[in-house]
Amino acid sequence: MEAQVLAVLRQAPGPVNAGWVLDQLGGDLAYTTVMTILTRLQAKRAVTRERVGRFFEWCATSDEAGLAALRMRRVLDAESDREAVLARFVTALSPDDERLLRDLLNLPEDGAED
């Protein structure tokens, strides 16, 4: 559900309220469910909110890839042996993913390509 809400926010014309998100999602979701999802996404820094009158307007700050990266970071932060976790993660990658990771790690530290 988080990914769906994030996708809706990324397609929004600008900051929107939870009611707008609920309308875009359709289905049988409750308003409180949408608010819970938005609040969780805010805690993950995937969205921001700003009070406008009595309501909040929400805006995506991350895409689905960013949300997945945040989840991966939380898992890594929860482990005491980061080196072992990272080593096992890398050894479980497919050859194509390993090659991609190596290419990404060879970028300059600021992440910009020359």
PDB file of N, CA and C in Angstrom:
ATOM      1  N   MET A   1       0.819  -1.203   0.000  1.00  0.00           N
ATOM      2  CA  MET A   1       0.000   0.000   0.000  1.00  0.00           C
ATOM      3  C   MET A   1       0.862   1.266   0.000  1.00  0.00           C
ATOM      4  N   GLU A   2       1.996   1.211   0.693  1.00  0.00           N
ATOM      5  CA  GLU A   2       2.867   2.384   0.719  1.00  0.00           C
ATOM      6  C   GLU A   2       3.305   2.765  -0.690  1.00  0.00           C
ATOM      7  N   ALA A   3       3.672   1.775  -1.475  1.00  0.00           N
ATOM      8  CA  ALA A   3       4.116   2.052  -2.843  1.00  0.00           C
ATOM      9  C   ALA A   3       2.982   2.652  -3.670  1.00  0.00           C
ATOM     10  N   GLN A   4       1.750   2.182  -3.467  1.00  0.00           N
ATOM     11  CA  GLN A   4       0.618   2.733  -4.209  1.00  0.00           C
ATOM     12  C   GLN A   4       0.358   4.184  -3.823  1.00  0.00           C
ATOM     13  N   VAL A   5       0.401   4.470  -2.531  1.00  0.00           N
ATOM     14  CA  VAL A   5       0.183   5.841  -2.069  1.00  0.00           C
ATOM     15  C   VAL A   5       1.291   6.746  -2.591  1.00  0.00           C
ATOM     16  N   LEU A   6       2.512   6.265  -2.539  1.00  0.00           N
ATOM     17  CA  LEU A   6       3.635   7.052  -3.042  1.00  0.00           C
ATOM     18  C   LEU A   6       3.490   7.320  -4.538  1.00  0.00           C
ATOM     19  N   ALA A   7       3.051   6.326  -5.285  1.00  0.00           N
ATOM     20  CA  ALA A   7       2.847   6.505  -6.726  1.00  0.00           C
ATOM     21  C   ALA A   7       1.771   7.559  -6.995  1.00  0.00           C
ATOM     22  N   VAL A   8       0.706   7.533  -6.217  1.00  0.00           N
ATOM     23  CA  VAL A   8      -0.358   8.532  -6.373  1.00  0.00           C
ATOM     24  C   VAL A   8       0.189   9.923  -6.086  1.00  0.00           C
ATOM     25  N   LEU A   9       0.966  10.058  -5.016  1.00  0.00           N
ATOM     26  CA  LEU A   9       1.532  11.367  -4.681  1.00  0.00           C
ATOM     27  C   LEU A   9       2.494  11.860  -5.751  1.00  0.00           C
ATOM     28  N   ARG A  10       3.232  10.962  -6.349  1.00  0.00           N
ATOM     29  CA  ARG A  10       4.194  11.372  -7.389  1.00  0.00           C
ATOM     30  C   ARG A  10       3.465  11.858  -8.643  1.00  0.00           C
ATOM     31  N   GLN A  11       2.238  11.408  -8.843  1.00  0.00           N
ATOM     32  CA  GLN A  11       1.461  11.837 -10.013  1.00  0.00           C
ATOM     33  C   GLN A  11       0.585  13.050  -9.715  1.00  0.00           C
ATOM     34  N   ALA A  12       0.582  13.491  -8.468  1.00  0.00           N
ATOM     35  CA  ALA A  12      -0.261  14.625  -8.075  1.00  0.00           C
ATOM     36  C   ALA A  12       0.230  15.912  -8.727  1.00  0.00           C
ATOM     37  N   PRO A  13      -0.686  16.845  -8.970  1.00  0.00           N
ATOM     38  CA  PRO A  13      -0.310  18.119  -9.595  1.00  0.00           C
ATOM     39  C   PRO A  13       0.482  19.030  -8.665  1.00  0.00           C
ATOM     40  N   GLY A  14       0.598  18.672  -7.416  1.00  0.00           N
ATOM     41  CA  GLY A  14       1.292  19.456  -6.396  1.00  0.00           C
ATOM     42  C   GLY A  14       0.956  18.841  -5.054  1.00  0.00           C
ATOM     43  N   PRO A  15       1.207  19.539  -3.961  1.00  0.00           N
ATOM     44  CA  PRO A  15       0.821  19.009  -2.646  1.00  0.00           C
ATOM     45  C   PRO A  15      -0.687  18.779  -2.592  1.00  0.00           C
ATOM     46  N   VAL A  16      -1.088  17.651  -2.014  1.00  0.00           N
ATOM     47  CA  VAL A  16      -2.510  17.277  -1.966  1.00  0.00           C
ATOM     48  C   VAL A  16      -2.861  16.775  -0.569  1.00  0.00           C
ATOM     49  N   ASN A  17      -4.145  16.811  -0.259  1.00  0.00           N
ATOM     50  CA  ASN A  17      -4.577  16.317   1.047  1.00  0.00           C
ATOM     51  C   ASN A  17      -4.883  14.819   0.983  1.00  0.00           C
ATOM     52  N   ALA A  18      -5.092  14.232   2.144  1.00  0.00           N
ATOM     53  CA  ALA A  18      -5.326  12.791   2.226  1.00  0.00           C
ATOM     54  C   ALA A  18      -6.611  12.381   1.508  1.00  0.00           C
ATOM     55  N   GLY A  19      -7.606  13.247   1.516  1.00  0.00           N
ATOM     56  CA  GLY A  19      -8.849  12.947   0.805  1.00  0.00           C
ATOM     57  C   GLY A  19      -8.614  12.777  -0.690  1.00  0.00           C
ATOM     58  N   TRP A  20      -7.757  13.612  -1.249  1.00  0.00           N
ATOM     59  CA  TRP A  20      -7.423  13.507  -2.671  1.00  0.00           C
ATOM     60  C   TRP A  20      -6.731  12.180  -2.942  1.00  0.00           C
ATOM     61  N   VAL A  21      -5.791  11.817  -2.071  1.00  0.00           N
ATOM     62  CA  VAL A  21      -5.084  10.534  -2.223  1.00  0.00           C
ATOM     63  C   VAL A  21      -6.095   9.391  -2.174  1.00  0.00           C
ATOM     64  N   LEU A  22      -7.004   9.446  -1.211  1.00  0.00           N
ATOM     65  CA  LEU A  22      -8.029   8.406  -1.072  1.00  0.00           C
ATOM     66  C   LEU A  22      -8.876   8.302  -2.333  1.00  0.00           C
ATOM     67  N   ASP A  23      -9.288   9.430  -2.883  1.00  0.00           N
ATOM     68  CA  ASP A  23     -10.087   9.423  -4.121  1.00  0.00           C
ATOM     69  C   ASP A  23      -9.324   8.777  -5.274  1.00  0.00           C
ATOM     70  N   GLN A  24      -8.034   9.069  -5.375  1.00  0.00           N
ATOM     71  CA  GLN A  24      -7.223   8.511  -6.463  1.00  0.00           C
ATOM     72  C   GLN A  24      -7.030   7.009  -6.314  1.00  0.00           C
ATOM     73  N   LEU A  25      -6.937   6.533  -5.071  1.00  0.00           N
ATOM     74  CA  LEU A  25      -6.742   5.105  -4.844  1.00  0.00           C
ATOM     75  C   LEU A  25      -8.004   4.307  -5.119  1.00  0.00           C
ATOM     76  N   GLY A  26      -9.157   4.930  -4.874  1.00  0.00           N
ATOM     77  CA  GLY A  26     -10.419   4.213  -5.070  1.00  0.00           C
ATOM     78  C   GLY A  26     -10.524   3.051  -4.095  1.00  0.00           C
ATOM     79  N   GLY A  27     -11.371   2.112  -4.383  1.00  0.00           N
ATOM     80  CA  GLY A  27     -11.504   0.930  -3.537  1.00  0.00           C
ATOM     81  C   GLY A  27     -12.218   1.225  -2.231  1.00  0.00           C
ATOM     82  N   ASP A  28     -12.023   0.347  -1.282  1.00  0.00           N
ATOM     83  CA  ASP A  28     -12.739   0.423  -0.012  1.00  0.00           C
ATOM     84  C   ASP A  28     -11.861   0.864   1.157  1.00  0.00           C
ATOM     85  N   LEU A  29     -10.803   1.600   0.876  1.00  0.00           N
ATOM     86  CA  LEU A  29      -9.926   2.052   1.952  1.00  0.00           C
ATOM     87  C   LEU A  29     -10.618   3.102   2.808  1.00  0.00           C
ATOM     88  N   ALA A  30     -10.288   3.087   4.089  1.00  0.00           N
ATOM     89  CA  ALA A  30     -10.799   4.109   4.995  1.00  0.00           C
ATOM     90  C   ALA A  30      -9.838   5.300   4.984  1.00  0.00           C
ATOM     91  N   TYR A  31     -10.367   6.475   5.273  1.00  0.00           N
ATOM     92  CA  TYR A  31      -9.564   7.683   5.358  1.00  0.00           C
ATOM     93  C   TYR A  31      -8.447   7.497   6.387  1.00  0.00           C
ATOM     94  N   THR A  32      -8.772   6.866   7.511  1.00  0.00           N
ATOM     95  CA  THR A  32      -7.768   6.659   8.561  1.00  0.00           C
ATOM     96  C   THR A  32      -6.635   5.757   8.085  1.00  0.00           C
ATOM     97  N   THR A  33      -6.940   4.810   7.216  1.00  0.00           N
ATOM     98  CA  THR A  33      -5.894   3.937   6.662  1.00  0.00           C
ATOM     99  C   THR A  33      -4.930   4.751   5.809  1.00  0.00           C
ATOM    100  N   VAL A  34      -5.463   5.621   4.980  1.00  0.00           N
ATOM    101  CA  VAL A  34      -4.623   6.479   4.145  1.00  0.00           C
ATOM    102  C   VAL A  34      -3.766   7.381   5.024  1.00  0.00           C
ATOM    103  N   MET A  35      -4.346   7.941   6.081  1.00  0.00           N
ATOM    104  CA  MET A  35      -3.587   8.797   6.992  1.00  0.00           C
ATOM    105  C   MET A  35      -2.466   8.005   7.678  1.00  0.00           C
ATOM    106  N   THR A  36      -2.744   6.783   8.066  1.00  0.00           N
ATOM    107  CA  THR A  36      -1.715   5.944   8.691  1.00  0.00           C
ATOM    108  C   THR A  36      -0.574   5.692   7.712  1.00  0.00           C
ATOM    109  N   ILE A  37      -0.893   5.367   6.476  1.00  0.00           N
ATOM    110  CA  ILE A  37       0.129   5.112   5.460  1.00  0.00           C
ATOM    111  C   ILE A  37       0.954   6.377   5.209  1.00  0.00           C
ATOM    112  N   LEU A  38       0.288   7.520   5.080  1.00  0.00           N
ATOM    113  CA  LEU A  38       0.995   8.773   4.858  1.00  0.00           C
ATOM    114  C   LEU A  38       1.923   9.094   6.031  1.00  0.00           C
ATOM    115  N   THR A  39       1.455   8.862   7.246  1.00  0.00           N
ATOM    116  CA  THR A  39       2.267   9.128   8.430  1.00  0.00           C
ATOM    117  C   THR A  39       3.483   8.210   8.466  1.00  0.00           C
ATOM    118  N   ARG A  40       3.302   6.955   8.103  1.00  0.00           N
ATOM    119  CA  ARG A  40       4.437   6.021   8.051  1.00  0.00           C
ATOM    120  C   ARG A  40       5.434   6.437   6.973  1.00  0.00           C
ATOM    121  N   LEU A  41       4.927   6.871   5.834  1.00  0.00           N
ATOM    122  CA  LEU A  41       5.815   7.345   4.766  1.00  0.00           C
ATOM    123  C   LEU A  41       6.569   8.601   5.199  1.00  0.00           C
ATOM    124  N   GLN A  42       5.921   9.447   5.985  1.00  0.00           N
ATOM    125  CA  GLN A  42       6.604  10.632   6.492  1.00  0.00           C
ATOM    126  C   GLN A  42       7.724  10.220   7.451  1.00  0.00           C
ATOM    127  N   ALA A  43       7.472   9.249   8.306  1.00  0.00           N
ATOM    128  CA  ALA A  43       8.497   8.772   9.233  1.00  0.00           C
ATOM    129  C   ALA A  43       9.696   8.193   8.483  1.00  0.00           C
ATOM    130  N   LYS A  44       9.446   7.658   7.297  1.00  0.00           N
ATOM    131  CA  LYS A  44      10.514   7.097   6.456  1.00  0.00           C
ATOM    132  C   LYS A  44      11.142   8.162   5.564  1.00  0.00           C
ATOM    133  N   ARG A  45      10.677   9.400   5.701  1.00  0.00           N
ATOM    134  CA  ARG A  45      11.153  10.527   4.898  1.00  0.00           C
ATOM    135  C   ARG A  45      10.875  10.359   3.409  1.00  0.00           C
ATOM    136  N   ALA A  46       9.829   9.630   3.087  1.00  0.00           N
ATOM    137  CA  ALA A  46       9.447   9.449   1.690  1.00  0.00           C
ATOM    138  C   ALA A  46       8.436  10.503   1.249  1.00  0.00           C
ATOM    139  N   VAL A  47       7.795  11.170   2.230  1.00  0.00           N
ATOM    140  CA  VAL A  47       6.854  12.254   1.945  1.00  0.00           C
ATOM    141  C   VAL A  47       7.061  13.365   2.964  1.00  0.00           C
ATOM    142  N   THR A  48       6.595  14.547   2.611  1.00  0.00           N
ATOM    143  CA  THR A  48       6.557  15.663   3.551  1.00  0.00           C
ATOM    144  C   THR A  48       5.119  16.130   3.667  1.00  0.00           C
ATOM    145  N   ARG A  49       4.856  16.860   4.725  1.00  0.00           N
ATOM    146  CA  ARG A  49       3.518  17.418   4.889  1.00  0.00           C
ATOM    147  C   ARG A  49       3.625  18.842   5.388  1.00  0.00           C
ATOM    148  N   GLU A  50       2.609  19.624   5.037  1.00  0.00           N
ATOM    149  CA  GLU A  50       2.539  21.012   5.475  1.00  0.00           C
ATOM    150  C   GLU A  50       1.093  21.305   5.843  1.00  0.00           C
ATOM    151  N   ARG A  51       0.915  21.939   6.988  1.00  0.00           N
ATOM    152  CA  ARG A  51      -0.446  22.271   7.426  1.00  0.00           C
ATOM    153  C   ARG A  51      -0.990  23.408   6.567  1.00  0.00           C
ATOM    154  N   VAL A  52      -2.164  23.179   6.033  1.00  0.00           N
ATOM    155  CA  VAL A  52      -2.879  24.187   5.260  1.00  0.00           C
ATOM    156  C   VAL A  52      -4.289  24.241   5.847  1.00  0.00           C
ATOM    157  N   GLY A  53      -4.560  25.276   6.627  1.00  0.00           N
ATOM    158  CA  GLY A  53      -5.844  25.348   7.321  1.00  0.00           C
ATOM    159  C   GLY A  53      -5.926  24.265   8.380  1.00  0.00           C
ATOM    160  N   ARG A  54      -6.983  23.483   8.329  1.00  0.00           N
ATOM    161  CA  ARG A  54      -7.180  22.407   9.305  1.00  0.00           C
ATOM    162  C   ARG A  54      -6.578  21.087   8.855  1.00  0.00           C
ATOM    163  N   PHE A  55      -6.069  21.034   7.638  1.00  0.00           N
ATOM    164  CA  PHE A  55      -5.585  19.770   7.079  1.00  0.00           C
ATOM    165  C   PHE A  55      -4.103  19.854   6.733  1.00  0.00           C
ATOM    166  N   PHE A  56      -3.551  18.696   6.433  1.00  0.00           N
ATOM    167  CA  PHE A  56      -2.190  18.632   5.920  1.00  0.00           C
ATOM    168  C   PHE A  56      -2.240  18.398   4.423  1.00  0.00           C
ATOM    169  N   GLU A  57      -1.282  18.977   3.732  1.00  0.00           N
ATOM    170  CA  GLU A  57      -1.067  18.652   2.326  1.00  0.00           C
ATOM    171  C   GLU A  57       0.235  17.884   2.247  1.00  0.00           C
ATOM    172  N   TRP A  58       0.197  16.823   1.462  1.00  0.00           N
ATOM    173  CA  TRP A  58       1.300  15.873   1.378  1.00  0.00           C
ATOM    174  C   TRP A  58       1.981  15.956   0.023  1.00  0.00           C
ATOM    175  N   CYS A  59       3.285  15.687   0.025  1.00  0.00           N
ATOM    176  CA  CYS A  59       4.071  15.733  -1.203  1.00  0.00           C
ATOM    177  C   CYS A  59       5.123  14.632  -1.147  1.00  0.00           C
ATOM    178  N   ALA A  60       5.296  13.922  -2.239  1.00  0.00           N
ATOM    179  CA  ALA A  60       6.300  12.857  -2.301  1.00  0.00           C
ATOM    180  C   ALA A  60       7.696  13.474  -2.357  1.00  0.00           C
ATOM    181  N   THR A  61       8.613  12.896  -1.592  1.00  0.00           N
ATOM    182  CA  THR A  61      10.012  13.316  -1.653  1.00  0.00           C
ATOM    183  C   THR A  61      10.886  12.192  -2.177  1.00  0.00           C
ATOM    184  N   SER A  62      10.283  11.040  -2.394  1.00  0.00           N
ATOM    185  CA  SER A  62      11.023   9.867  -2.842  1.00  0.00           C
ATOM    186  C   SER A  62      10.161   9.103  -3.833  1.00  0.00           C
ATOM    187  N   ASP A  63      10.811   8.283  -4.641  1.00  0.00           N
ATOM    188  CA  ASP A  63      10.075   7.404  -5.538  1.00  0.00           C
ATOM    189  C   ASP A  63      10.083   5.988  -4.945  1.00  0.00           C
ATOM    190  N   GLU A  64       9.546   5.029  -5.676  1.00  0.00           N
ATOM    191  CA  GLU A  64       9.484   3.656  -5.160  1.00  0.00           C
ATOM    192  C   GLU A  64      10.877   3.082  -4.913  1.00  0.00           C
ATOM    193  N   ALA A  65      11.830   3.428  -5.760  1.00  0.00           N
ATOM    194  CA  ALA A  65      13.200   2.947  -5.561  1.00  0.00           C
ATOM    195  C   ALA A  65      13.777   3.548  -4.276  1.00  0.00           C
ATOM    196  N   GLY A  66      13.495   4.798  -4.040  1.00  0.00           N
ATOM    197  CA  GLY A  66      13.958   5.445  -2.814  1.00  0.00           C
ATOM    198  C   GLY A  66      13.339   4.827  -1.581  1.00  0.00           C
ATOM    199  N   LEU A  67      12.064   4.468  -1.671  1.00  0.00           N
ATOM    200  CA  LEU A  67      11.378   3.816  -0.554  1.00  0.00           C
ATOM    201  C   LEU A  67      11.994   2.448  -0.278  1.00  0.00           C
ATOM    202  N   ALA A  68      12.282   1.701  -1.312  1.00  0.00           N
ATOM    203  CA  ALA A  68      12.933   0.394  -1.133  1.00  0.00           C
ATOM    204  C   ALA A  68      14.308   0.567  -0.509  1.00  0.00           C
ATOM    205  N   ALA A  69      15.037   1.592  -0.947  1.00  0.00           N
ATOM    206  CA  ALA A  69      16.365   1.851  -0.381  1.00  0.00           C
ATOM    207  C   ALA A  69      16.264   2.206   1.099  1.00  0.00           C
ATOM    208  N   LEU A  70      15.253   2.970   1.474  1.00  0.00           N
ATOM    209  CA  LEU A  70      15.048   3.294   2.882  1.00  0.00           C
ATOM    210  C   LEU A  70      14.777   2.036   3.708  1.00  0.00           C
ATOM    211  N   ARG A  71      13.973   1.127   3.151  1.00  0.00           N
ATOM    212  CA  ARG A  71      13.698  -0.130   3.853  1.00  0.00           C
ATOM    213  C   ARG A  71      14.979  -0.938   4.035  1.00  0.00           C
ATOM    214  N   MET A  72      15.777  -1.011   2.986  1.00  0.00           N
ATOM    215  CA  MET A  72      17.035  -1.745   3.064  1.00  0.00           C
ATOM    216  C   MET A  72      17.947  -1.131   4.122  1.00  0.00           C
ATOM    217  N   ARG A  73      17.987   0.185   4.171  1.00  0.00           N
ATOM    218  CA  ARG A  73      18.828   0.872   5.151  1.00  0.00           C
ATOM    219  C   ARG A  73      18.354   0.582   6.569  1.00  0.00           C
ATOM    220  N   ARG A  74      17.031   0.572   6.787  1.00  0.00           N
ATOM    221  CA  ARG A  74      16.500   0.268   8.120  1.00  0.00           C
ATOM    222  C   ARG A  74      16.882  -1.132   8.561  1.00  0.00           C
ATOM    223  N   VAL A  75      16.820  -2.090   7.642  1.00  0.00           N
ATOM    224  CA  VAL A  75      17.208  -3.463   7.973  1.00  0.00           C
ATOM    225  C   VAL A  75      18.686  -3.504   8.342  1.00  0.00           C
ATOM    226  N   LEU A  76      19.504  -2.853   7.560  1.00  0.00           N
ATOM    227  CA  LEU A  76      20.943  -2.831   7.822  1.00  0.00           C
ATOM    228  C   LEU A  76      21.246  -2.148   9.156  1.00  0.00           C
ATOM    229  N   ASP A  77      20.579  -1.048   9.445  1.00  0.00           N
ATOM    230  CA  ASP A  77      20.802  -0.322  10.696  1.00  0.00           C
ATOM    231  C   ASP A  77      20.400  -1.129  11.927  1.00  0.00           C
ATOM    232  N   ALA A  78      19.490  -2.078  11.745  1.00  0.00           N
ATOM    233  CA  ALA A  78      19.018  -2.879  12.876  1.00  0.00           C
ATOM    234  C   ALA A  78      19.957  -4.038  13.222  1.00  0.00           C
ATOM    235  N   GLU A  79      20.915  -4.300  12.369  1.00  0.00           N
ATOM    236  CA  GLU A  79      21.827  -5.438  12.591  1.00  0.00           C
ATOM    237  C   GLU A  79      23.116  -4.991  13.259  1.00  0.00           C
ATOM    238  N   SER A  80      23.645  -5.841  14.133  1.00  0.00           N
ATOM    239  CA  SER A  80      24.882  -5.486  14.846  1.00  0.00           C
ATOM    240  C   SER A  80      26.127  -5.732  13.991  1.00  0.00           C
ATOM    241  N   ASP A  81      26.094  -6.713  13.100  1.00  0.00           N
ATOM    242  CA  ASP A  81      27.261  -7.026  12.270  1.00  0.00           C
ATOM    243  C   ASP A  81      26.992  -6.587  10.831  1.00  0.00           C
ATOM    244  N   ARG A  82      27.166  -5.307  10.589  1.00  0.00           N
ATOM    245  CA  ARG A  82      26.877  -4.732   9.268  1.00  0.00           C
ATOM    246  C   ARG A  82      27.715  -5.384   8.176  1.00  0.00           C
ATOM    247  N   GLU A  83      28.974  -5.672   8.492  1.00  0.00           N
ATOM    248  CA  GLU A  83      29.866  -6.265   7.493  1.00  0.00           C
ATOM    249  C   GLU A  83      29.346  -7.621   7.034  1.00  0.00           C
ATOM    250  N   ALA A  84      28.902  -8.442   7.973  1.00  0.00           N
ATOM    251  CA  ALA A  84      28.386  -9.764   7.620  1.00  0.00           C
ATOM    252  C   ALA A  84      27.106  -9.650   6.785  1.00  0.00           C
ATOM    253  N   VAL A  85      26.237  -8.733   7.165  1.00  0.00           N
ATOM    254  CA  VAL A  85      24.980  -8.545   6.423  1.00  0.00           C
ATOM    255  C   VAL A  85      25.278  -8.097   5.003  1.00  0.00           C
ATOM    256  N   LEU A  86      26.145  -7.091   4.854  1.00  0.00           N
ATOM    257  CA  LEU A  86      26.484  -6.605   3.518  1.00  0.00           C
ATOM    258  C   LEU A  86      27.180  -7.685   2.688  1.00  0.00           C
ATOM    259  N   ALA A  87      28.077  -8.448   3.327  1.00  0.00           N
ATOM    260  CA  ALA A  87      28.784  -9.513   2.601  1.00  0.00           C
ATOM    261  C   ALA A  87      27.803 -10.560   2.098  1.00  0.00           C
ATOM    262  N   ARG A  88      26.857 -10.959   2.933  1.00  0.00           N
ATOM    263  CA  ARG A  88      25.867 -11.962   2.501  1.00  0.00           C
ATOM    264  C   ARG A  88      24.943 -11.412   1.429  1.00  0.00           C
ATOM    265  N   PHE A  89      24.608 -10.144   1.545  1.00  0.00           N
ATOM    266  CA  PHE A  89      23.764  -9.521   0.536  1.00  0.00           C
ATOM    267  C   PHE A  89      24.458  -9.539  -0.826  1.00  0.00           C
ATOM    268  N   VAL A  90      25.705  -9.129  -0.849  1.00  0.00           N
ATOM    269  CA  VAL A  90      26.455  -9.049  -2.103  1.00  0.00           C
ATOM    270  C   VAL A  90      26.662 -10.438  -2.711  1.00  0.00           C
ATOM    271  N   THR A  91      26.961 -11.426  -1.887  1.00  0.00           N
ATOM    272  CA  THR A  91      27.191 -12.767  -2.435  1.00  0.00           C
ATOM    273  C   THR A  91      25.903 -13.398  -2.960  1.00  0.00           C
ATOM    274  N   ALA A  92      24.744 -12.883  -2.544  1.00  0.00           N
ATOM    275  CA  ALA A  92      23.467 -13.424  -3.017  1.00  0.00           C
ATOM    276  C   ALA A  92      22.972 -12.725  -4.286  1.00  0.00           C
ATOM    277  N   LEU A  93      23.675 -11.695  -4.730  1.00  0.00           N
ATOM    278  CA  LEU A  93      23.258 -10.970  -5.930  1.00  0.00           C
ATOM    279  C   LEU A  93      23.472 -11.807  -7.186  1.00  0.00           C
ATOM    280  N   SER A  94      22.644 -11.568  -8.177  1.00  0.00           N
ATOM    281  CA  SER A  94      22.854 -12.191  -9.486  1.00  0.00           C
ATOM    282  C   SER A  94      24.097 -11.553 -10.107  1.00  0.00           C
ATOM    283  N   PRO A  95      24.712 -12.221 -11.083  1.00  0.00           N
ATOM    284  CA  PRO A  95      25.883 -11.618 -11.734  1.00  0.00           C
ATOM    285  C   PRO A  95      25.599 -10.229 -12.318  1.00  0.00           C
ATOM    286  N   ASP A  96      24.422 -10.045 -12.902  1.00  0.00           N
ATOM    287  CA  ASP A  96      24.078  -8.735 -13.460  1.00  0.00           C
ATOM    288  C   ASP A  96      23.952  -7.669 -12.369  1.00  0.00           C
ATOM    289  N   ASP A  97      23.307  -8.024 -11.250  1.00  0.00           N
ATOM    290  CA  ASP A  97      23.177  -7.071 -10.145  1.00  0.00           C
ATOM    291  C   ASP A  97      24.528  -6.775  -9.512  1.00  0.00           C
ATOM    292  N   GLU A  98      25.374  -7.787  -9.409  1.00  0.00           N
ATOM    293  CA  GLU A  98      26.709  -7.565  -8.856  1.00  0.00           C
ATOM    294  C   GLU A  98      27.503  -6.609  -9.748  1.00  0.00           C
ATOM    295  N   ARG A  99      27.399  -6.794 -11.047  1.00  0.00           N
ATOM    296  CA  ARG A  99      28.086  -5.920 -11.999  1.00  0.00           C
ATOM    297  C   ARG A  99      27.559  -4.483 -11.867  1.00  0.00           C
ATOM    298  N   LEU A 100      26.254  -4.350 -11.744  1.00  0.00           N
ATOM    299  CA  LEU A 100      25.642  -3.029 -11.580  1.00  0.00           C
ATOM    300  C   LEU A 100      26.130  -2.374 -10.288  1.00  0.00           C
ATOM    301  N   LEU A 101      26.165  -3.133  -9.215  1.00  0.00           N
ATOM    302  CA  LEU A 101      26.639  -2.587  -7.942  1.00  0.00           C
ATOM    303  C   LEU A 101      28.096  -2.149  -8.045  1.00  0.00           C
ATOM    304  N   ARG A 102      28.913  -2.962  -8.689  1.00  0.00           N
ATOM    305  CA  ARG A 102      30.326  -2.584  -8.873  1.00  0.00           C
ATOM    306  C   ARG A 102      30.438  -1.289  -9.687  1.00  0.00           C
ATOM    307  N   ASP A 103      29.628  -1.169 -10.729  1.00  0.00           N
ATOM    308  CA  ASP A 103      29.640   0.057 -11.535  1.00  0.00           C
ATOM    309  C   ASP A 103      29.232   1.267 -10.695  1.00  0.00           C
ATOM    310  N   LEU A 104      28.210   1.097  -9.874  1.00  0.00           N
ATOM    311  CA  LEU A 104      27.744   2.192  -9.025  1.00  0.00           C
ATOM    312  C   LEU A 104      28.794   2.586  -7.991  1.00  0.00           C
ATOM    313  N   LEU A 105      29.486   1.601  -7.462  1.00  0.00           N
ATOM    314  CA  LEU A 105      30.514   1.884  -6.460  1.00  0.00           C
ATOM    315  C   LEU A 105      31.740   2.550  -7.060  1.00  0.00           C
ATOM    316  N   ASN A 106      31.923   2.453  -8.351  1.00  0.00           N
ATOM    317  CA  ASN A 106      33.059   3.095  -9.014  1.00  0.00           C
ATOM    318  C   ASN A 106      32.793   4.549  -9.373  1.00  0.00           C
ATOM    319  N   LEU A 107      31.574   5.038  -9.089  1.00  0.00           N
ATOM    320  CA  LEU A 107      31.279   6.451  -9.330  1.00  0.00           C
ATOM    321  C   LEU A 107      32.034   7.303  -8.332  1.00  0.00           C
ATOM    322  N   PRO A 108      32.313   8.571  -8.656  1.00  0.00           N
ATOM    323  CA  PRO A 108      32.914   9.471  -7.664  1.00  0.00           C
ATOM    324  C   PRO A 108      32.025   9.554  -6.431  1.00  0.00           C
ATOM    325  N   GLU A 109      32.599   9.907  -5.291  1.00  0.00           N
ATOM    326  CA  GLU A 109      31.860   9.894  -4.012  1.00  0.00           C
ATOM    327  C   GLU A 109      30.632  10.771  -3.991  1.00  0.00           C
ATOM    328  N   ASP A 110      30.604  11.851  -4.751  1.00  0.00           N
ATOM    329  CA  ASP A 110      29.424  12.723  -4.743  1.00  0.00           C
ATOM    330  C   ASP A 110      28.294  12.140  -5.595  1.00  0.00           C
ATOM    331  N   GLY A 111      28.532  11.009  -6.249  1.00  0.00           N
ATOM    332  CA  GLY A 111      27.513  10.341  -7.043  1.00  0.00           C
ATOM    333  C   GLY A 111      27.378  10.858  -8.449  1.00  0.00           C
ATOM    334  N   ALA A 112      28.096  11.893  -8.794  1.00  0.00           N
ATOM    335  CA  ALA A 112      28.014  12.461 -10.151  1.00  0.00           C
ATOM    336  C   ALA A 112      29.003  11.776 -11.062  1.00  0.00           C
ATOM    337  N   GLU A 113      28.577  11.574 -12.286  1.00  0.00           N
ATOM    338  CA  GLU A 113      29.474  10.990 -13.277  1.00  0.00           C
ATOM    339  C   GLU A 113      30.318  12.089 -13.894  1.00  0.00           C
ATOM    340  N   ASP A 114      31.532  11.720 -14.282  1.00  0.00           N
ATOM    341  CA  ASP A 114      32.408  12.704 -14.957  1.00  0.00           C
ATOM    342  C   ASP A 114      32.012  12.873 -16.392  1.00  0.00           C
TER     343      ASP A 114
END
